[in-house]
Amino acid sequence: MRLWSIHPKYLDAKGLVALWREALLAKKVLRGRTKGYKHHPQLNRFKNSPNPLHCINQYLSAVYHEAVSRNYAFDKRKINWKFVPLKLKVTKGQVAYERTHLLKKLNLRDPLRYKEFKKEITFKPHPMFRVVKGGIEEWEVR
């Protein structure tokens, strides 16, 4: 499971679809409707938030809006749109790590997208995250 901290605009088609599915799975986990993934480290930032379900719905909303901008048919009904927006923190080191990680994937899967974004020194975070000083997050698999 990868719940990207970077903005979904950087993802290729395969990555955006995978993110949608994984975020929906995360929502099920946070609602207690799965047996697996309960202790996945990337869920901690949602679990530790004031309202995990509001956070995951907010997260999904940005993924949905990116999909709509590309004319993808993601199901809007999968999101509870009554969420209260929150800002979570993500470290600068984590955003940099994810930039490098994604660029490696794009180089293989979508060379045109890779060329488009490799020049960007810093990627914007997902809209629900505020970047703070720090290295790679402890929960990151390296």
Protein backbone atom coordinates (compact mmCIF):
# COMPACT_ATOMS: atom_id res chain seq x y z
CA MET A 1 0.00 0.00 0.00
CA ARG A 2 1.30 3.44 -0.91
CA LEU A 3 -0.66 6.51 0.08
CA TRP A 4 1.43 9.17 -1.61
CA SER A 5 2.22 12.40 0.24
CA ILE A 6 2.89 14.12 -3.07
CA HIS A 7 0.16 15.67 -5.19
CA PRO A 8 -1.70 13.12 -7.34
CA LYS A 9 -1.04 15.23 -10.46
CA TYR A 10 2.42 13.69 -10.69
CA LEU A 11 1.14 10.12 -10.98
CA ASP A 12 0.78 8.31 -14.27
CA ALA A 13 -2.50 6.57 -15.15
CA LYS A 14 -1.49 3.29 -13.53
CA GLY A 15 -0.30 5.07 -10.40
CA LEU A 16 -3.45 7.18 -10.05
CA VAL A 17 -5.74 4.16 -10.40
CA ALA A 18 -3.63 2.23 -7.89
CA LEU A 19 -3.75 5.15 -5.45
CA TRP A 20 -7.54 5.31 -5.73
CA ARG A 21 -7.86 1.60 -4.97
CA GLU A 22 -5.36 1.70 -2.13
CA ALA A 23 -6.97 4.75 -0.54
CA LEU A 24 -10.36 3.03 -0.73
CA LEU A 25 -8.79 0.00 0.95
CA ALA A 26 -7.34 2.31 3.61
CA LYS A 27 -10.82 3.71 4.18
CA LYS A 28 -12.15 0.19 4.74
CA VAL A 29 -9.34 -0.49 7.20
CA LEU A 30 -10.04 2.73 9.09
CA ARG A 31 -13.73 1.78 9.27
CA GLY A 32 -12.80 -1.63 10.70
CA ARG A 33 -14.12 -3.52 7.70
CA THR A 34 -11.06 -5.60 6.81
CA LYS A 35 -8.96 -8.27 8.43
CA GLY A 36 -5.72 -7.29 6.75
CA TYR A 37 -3.65 -4.10 6.58
CA LYS A 38 -4.80 -3.04 10.08
CA HIS A 39 -1.25 -2.25 11.13
CA HIS A 40 0.08 -0.86 7.88
CA PRO A 41 2.51 1.93 8.81
CA GLN A 42 1.22 4.40 6.22
CA LEU A 43 -2.15 4.39 7.97
CA ASN A 44 -0.65 5.78 11.17
CA ARG A 45 -0.82 9.39 10.05
CA PHE A 46 -4.54 8.96 9.39
CA LYS A 47 -5.13 6.97 12.58
CA ASN A 48 -3.29 9.60 14.62
CA SER A 49 -5.32 12.46 13.19
CA PRO A 50 -8.25 14.03 15.05
CA ASN A 51 -10.69 12.24 12.72
CA PRO A 52 -9.28 9.41 10.57
CA LEU A 53 -12.39 9.01 8.42
CA HIS A 54 -12.59 12.71 7.64
CA CYS A 55 -8.91 12.59 6.69
CA ILE A 56 -9.19 9.61 4.36
CA ASN A 57 -12.26 11.10 2.67
CA GLN A 58 -10.41 14.38 2.22
CA TYR A 59 -7.44 12.44 0.83
CA LEU A 60 -9.71 10.58 -1.60
CA SER A 61 -11.35 13.83 -2.71
CA ALA A 62 -8.06 15.17 -4.10
CA VAL A 63 -7.43 11.89 -5.91
CA TYR A 64 -10.96 12.04 -7.30
CA HIS A 65 -10.52 15.63 -8.51
CA GLU A 66 -7.28 14.72 -10.27
CA ALA A 67 -9.03 11.78 -11.94
CA VAL A 68 -11.88 14.02 -13.11
CA SER A 69 -9.37 16.49 -14.57
CA ARG A 70 -8.08 13.60 -16.70
CA ASN A 71 -11.59 12.45 -17.67
CA TYR A 72 -11.36 9.23 -15.65
CA ALA A 73 -14.58 7.74 -14.32
CA PHE A 74 -13.92 7.30 -10.60
CA ASP A 75 -17.02 6.73 -8.47
CA LYS A 76 -17.76 9.93 -6.55
CA ARG A 77 -20.11 7.99 -4.25
CA LYS A 78 -17.14 6.23 -2.64
CA ILE A 79 -16.34 9.46 -0.77
CA ASN A 80 -18.25 10.90 2.15
CA TRP A 81 -18.21 14.54 1.06
CA LYS A 82 -19.23 15.77 4.50
CA PHE A 83 -15.64 15.58 5.75
CA VAL A 84 -14.16 18.44 7.74
CA PRO A 85 -10.90 19.50 6.04
CA LEU A 86 -7.75 19.02 8.09
CA LYS A 87 -4.06 19.66 7.48
CA LEU A 88 -1.63 16.89 8.33
CA LYS A 89 2.12 17.30 8.42
CA VAL A 90 4.56 15.64 6.07
CA THR A 91 8.29 16.10 6.22
CA LYS A 92 10.35 17.69 3.48
CA GLY A 93 12.50 14.55 3.43
CA GLN A 94 9.45 12.37 2.81
CA VAL A 95 8.31 14.50 -0.11
CA ALA A 96 11.84 14.35 -1.59
CA TYR A 97 11.96 10.57 -1.09
CA GLU A 98 8.59 10.12 -2.82
CA ARG A 99 9.68 12.36 -5.70
CA THR A 100 12.71 10.14 -6.33
CA HIS A 101 10.66 6.95 -5.88
CA LEU A 102 7.98 8.09 -8.32
CA LEU A 103 10.45 9.34 -10.91
CA LYS A 104 12.03 5.85 -11.01
CA LYS A 105 8.60 4.35 -11.66
CA LEU A 106 7.73 6.95 -14.29
CA ASN A 107 11.01 6.41 -16.11
CA LEU A 108 9.94 2.81 -16.70
CA ARG A 109 6.17 3.17 -17.10
CA ASP A 110 5.62 6.60 -18.63
CA PRO A 111 8.76 8.20 -20.12
CA LEU A 112 6.86 11.29 -21.32
CA ARG A 113 5.54 12.01 -17.83
CA TYR A 114 9.01 11.34 -16.46
CA LYS A 115 10.49 13.98 -18.80
CA GLU A 116 7.75 16.42 -17.82
CA PHE A 117 8.38 16.18 -14.08
CA LYS A 118 12.07 15.27 -13.68
CA LYS A 119 12.96 18.97 -13.99
CA GLU A 120 10.89 19.87 -10.93
CA ILE A 121 13.27 20.01 -7.99
CA THR A 122 10.48 19.88 -5.43
CA PHE A 123 7.09 18.22 -5.82
CA LYS A 124 4.02 19.79 -4.28
CA PRO A 125 2.39 17.77 -1.52
CA HIS A 126 -1.09 16.29 -1.64
CA PRO A 127 -3.39 19.23 -0.78
CA MET A 128 -4.14 17.92 2.72
CA PHE A 129 -0.48 17.96 3.76
CA ARG A 130 1.62 20.81 5.04
CA VAL A 131 5.36 20.35 4.56
CA VAL A 132 7.55 20.69 7.66
CA LYS A 133 11.27 20.22 8.26
CA GLY A 134 12.48 16.69 8.68
CA GLY A 135 13.86 13.60 7.04
CA ILE A 136 12.12 10.54 5.66
CA GLU A 137 9.16 9.49 7.81
CA GLU A 138 9.72 6.59 10.22
CA TRP A 139 6.93 4.57 8.63
CA GLU A 140 8.50 4.65 5.17
CA VAL A 141 9.68 1.33 3.74
CA ARG A 142 13.18 1.89 2.35
